[in-house]
Amino acid sequence: MFTIKQIESANSKVKSGAEFPKYIKEIKEIGVTGFETWVIDSHTNYFGENEFQTKSKSKYDA
């Protein structure tokens, strides 16, 4: 299992689009198998093995 804190740590290393593939590799290594970001409030649902799910807090009001 992984935590939002781990994902945010990996995300904080991204300074440009060129670093995005490295970010994706890092979150895959901690167990993220997929994610979906909602435009309405910018929260993200993260998925892992065995139906594990967690989500980030909203960044904006809907």
Protein backbone atom coordinates (compact mmCIF):
# COMPACT_ATOMS: atom_id res chain seq x y z
CA MET A 1 0.00 0.00 0.00
CA PHE A 2 1.02 3.58 -0.53
CA THR A 3 0.09 6.92 0.98
CA ILE A 4 -0.82 10.32 -0.38
CA LYS A 5 2.28 11.63 1.41
CA GLN A 6 4.49 9.29 -0.68
CA ILE A 7 2.79 10.44 -3.87
CA GLU A 8 3.11 14.11 -2.91
CA SER A 9 6.81 13.56 -2.17
CA ALA A 10 7.35 12.11 -5.66
CA ASN A 11 5.28 14.91 -7.20
CA SER A 12 7.34 17.60 -5.44
CA LYS A 13 10.37 16.52 -7.48
CA VAL A 14 8.68 17.38 -10.79
CA LYS A 15 9.87 20.78 -11.97
CA SER A 16 9.14 20.38 -15.69
CA GLY A 17 7.36 18.13 -18.13
CA ALA A 18 10.65 16.38 -18.84
CA GLU A 19 10.61 14.96 -15.29
CA PHE A 20 7.06 13.58 -15.55
CA PRO A 21 8.07 10.10 -16.78
CA LYS A 22 10.37 9.74 -13.75
CA TYR A 23 7.44 10.71 -11.48
CA ILE A 24 5.21 8.07 -13.07
CA LYS A 25 7.96 5.45 -12.67
CA GLU A 26 8.38 6.36 -8.98
CA ILE A 27 4.67 6.13 -8.15
CA LYS A 28 4.41 2.82 -10.01
CA GLU A 29 7.28 1.51 -7.88
CA ILE A 30 5.36 2.29 -4.68
CA GLY A 31 2.33 0.43 -5.99
CA VAL A 32 0.12 2.89 -7.87
CA THR A 33 -1.57 1.03 -10.73
CA GLY A 34 -3.75 3.91 -11.93
CA PHE A 35 -5.18 7.27 -11.03
CA GLU A 36 -7.86 9.71 -12.10
CA THR A 37 -7.88 13.45 -11.45
CA TRP A 38 -11.20 15.26 -11.29
CA VAL A 39 -11.27 18.65 -13.02
CA ILE A 40 -14.21 19.87 -10.93
CA ASP A 41 -12.08 20.24 -7.76
CA SER A 42 -8.67 18.75 -8.69
CA HIS A 43 -8.78 15.79 -6.28
CA THR A 44 -7.15 12.59 -7.47
CA ASN A 45 -8.21 8.99 -6.84
CA TYR A 46 -5.27 6.55 -6.75
CA PHE A 47 -5.61 2.81 -7.27
CA GLY A 48 -3.39 -0.10 -6.25
CA GLU A 49 -3.46 -3.87 -6.11
CA ASN A 50 -6.22 -5.82 -4.35
CA GLU A 51 -8.72 -3.00 -4.91
CA PHE A 52 -6.73 -0.59 -2.71
CA GLN A 53 -7.79 3.05 -3.17
CA THR A 54 -6.93 6.39 -1.63
CA LYS A 55 -7.59 9.96 -2.69
CA SER A 56 -6.05 13.36 -2.32
CA LYS A 57 -7.85 16.33 -0.88
CA SER A 58 -9.62 18.75 -3.20
CA LYS A 59 -7.57 21.76 -4.23
CA TYR A 60 -10.53 23.91 -5.28
CA ASP A 61 -14.18 24.38 -4.44
CA ALA A 62 -16.47 22.61 -6.89
